[in-house]
């Protein structure tokens, strides 16, 4: 099954990535991306080193993101 079809089949659950570092967020995203394709990015993560780039990467890959 293509990634696009997998994304469409996921539930509408939005999971918060309220962690302080991109490293922690990446680990969570990796394990939770099988459940949903939408993530809320916490302010601490967004303003951390590499946070805005992490958000940009998720958006570029087609993941739903809100701040």
Protein backbone atom coordinates (compact mmCIF):
# COMPACT_ATOMS: atom_id res chain seq x y z
CA UNK A 1 0.00 0.00 0.00
CA UNK A 2 1.38 3.44 -0.91
CA UNK A 3 2.19 6.02 1.77
CA UNK A 4 -0.54 8.25 0.37
CA UNK A 5 -3.17 5.54 0.87
CA UNK A 6 -1.85 4.80 4.36
CA UNK A 7 -2.17 8.48 5.30
CA UNK A 8 -5.76 8.59 4.08
CA UNK A 9 -6.73 5.50 6.09
CA UNK A 10 -5.52 6.85 9.43
CA UNK A 11 -7.91 8.19 12.03
CA UNK A 12 -8.63 11.86 12.67
CA UNK A 13 -6.83 11.82 16.02
CA UNK A 14 -4.40 14.70 16.54
CA UNK A 15 -1.46 13.80 18.75
CA UNK A 16 0.45 16.47 20.67
CA UNK A 17 4.21 16.45 20.38
CA UNK A 18 4.75 18.47 23.57
CA UNK A 19 8.38 17.62 24.13
CA UNK A 20 11.36 19.97 24.47
CA UNK A 21 13.65 18.64 21.72
CA UNK A 22 13.51 17.55 18.10
CA UNK A 23 15.21 14.28 19.07
CA UNK A 24 12.35 13.38 21.41
CA UNK A 25 9.73 14.54 18.91
CA UNK A 26 11.28 12.47 16.14
CA UNK A 27 11.15 9.34 18.31
CA UNK A 28 7.51 9.96 19.20
CA UNK A 29 6.56 10.83 15.64
CA UNK A 30 8.21 7.66 14.39
CA UNK A 31 6.19 5.45 16.70
CA UNK A 32 2.90 7.37 16.52
CA UNK A 33 2.77 8.01 12.78
CA UNK A 34 1.19 4.59 12.29
CA UNK A 35 -1.84 5.82 14.26
CA UNK A 36 -2.44 9.28 12.82
CA UNK A 37 -1.14 11.76 10.29
CA UNK A 38 -1.88 14.91 12.30
CA UNK A 39 0.32 16.40 14.99
CA UNK A 40 0.17 19.39 17.31
CA UNK A 41 3.56 20.98 17.88
CA UNK A 42 4.16 22.52 21.29
CA UNK A 43 5.73 25.95 21.64
CA UNK A 44 8.77 24.57 23.45
CA UNK A 45 9.51 22.18 20.57
CA UNK A 46 8.85 24.77 17.87
CA UNK A 47 11.23 27.29 19.44
CA UNK A 48 13.94 24.73 20.21
CA UNK A 49 17.02 24.27 18.02
CA UNK A 50 15.79 22.72 14.78
CA UNK A 51 12.12 22.91 15.80
CA UNK A 52 10.89 25.05 12.93
CA UNK A 53 12.84 22.89 10.46
CA UNK A 54 11.22 19.77 11.96
CA UNK A 55 7.77 21.30 11.42
CA UNK A 56 8.68 22.32 7.87
CA UNK A 57 9.86 18.77 7.14
CA UNK A 58 6.60 17.25 8.44
CA UNK A 59 4.58 19.67 6.29
CA UNK A 60 6.69 19.00 3.20
CA UNK A 61 6.09 15.26 3.67
CA UNK A 62 2.33 15.80 3.78
CA UNK A 63 1.70 15.44 7.51
CA UNK A 64 -0.95 17.60 9.15
CA UNK A 65 0.58 20.04 11.64
CA UNK A 66 -0.78 22.78 13.84
CA UNK A 67 1.04 25.00 16.28
